[in-house]
Amino acid sequence: MFIFLITYFTAFCLPCLSLFFHHDLTTRSHFSEIVKVRSNLFQINGIAKQPLELPEPQGPVVTLSEKVYVPIKEHPDFNFVGRILGPRGMTAKQLEQETGCKIMVRGRGSMRDKKKEEQNRGKPNWEHLSDELHVLITVEDSENRAAAKLQRAVDEIKKLLVPSVSGLWMKS
């Protein structure tokens, strides 16, 4: 019985453990690049960013929006959508939480399924697919607060639109 357990462990468990603990160099470099981008985005020189200080609300509630176009023509091989969204959409979600704005990637190339994108182009509620790739930022708040939130979100998105030298976010 003891020999059976040793044989079983050696044959089945050790390879699983080695796969579990083994990460190839590519995966590690991807992870380190993601960590670097997110830390640069949400920290300045290792110090966490201060939360956005908003003035007291004045006036009626307004909805403001701004399009930030993605420089896809200057950098056609760079995966801007992946960089903006981040792993499982976490970068965009964190930006939304930090700024109080809704952040949406829109325009030509914003959908994963290119065939579906072509089918929907020109249909109602899909007009954005006829426009160039962009990030649509919207916010609803009093006018003075909405402007501050929108400006912070635009600044953060523009930081993500500068391609990294490492080539990690290149399209495959």
Foldseek 3Di string as FASTA:
>chain_A
DVVVVVVCCVVPVVVVVCVVPDDDPLVVVLVVVLVVLLCVLQHDPNHGDDAQDADDFDDDKDKDKDKAAFPCVVPVFFQLLCLCQDVVRVNQVVLCVRLVKHKAWFEAPNDPDNVVLVVCDPPPPRVRPPPHTIIMIMHIGHPRRRVSSNVVSSVSSVVSSPDDPVCSRTHD
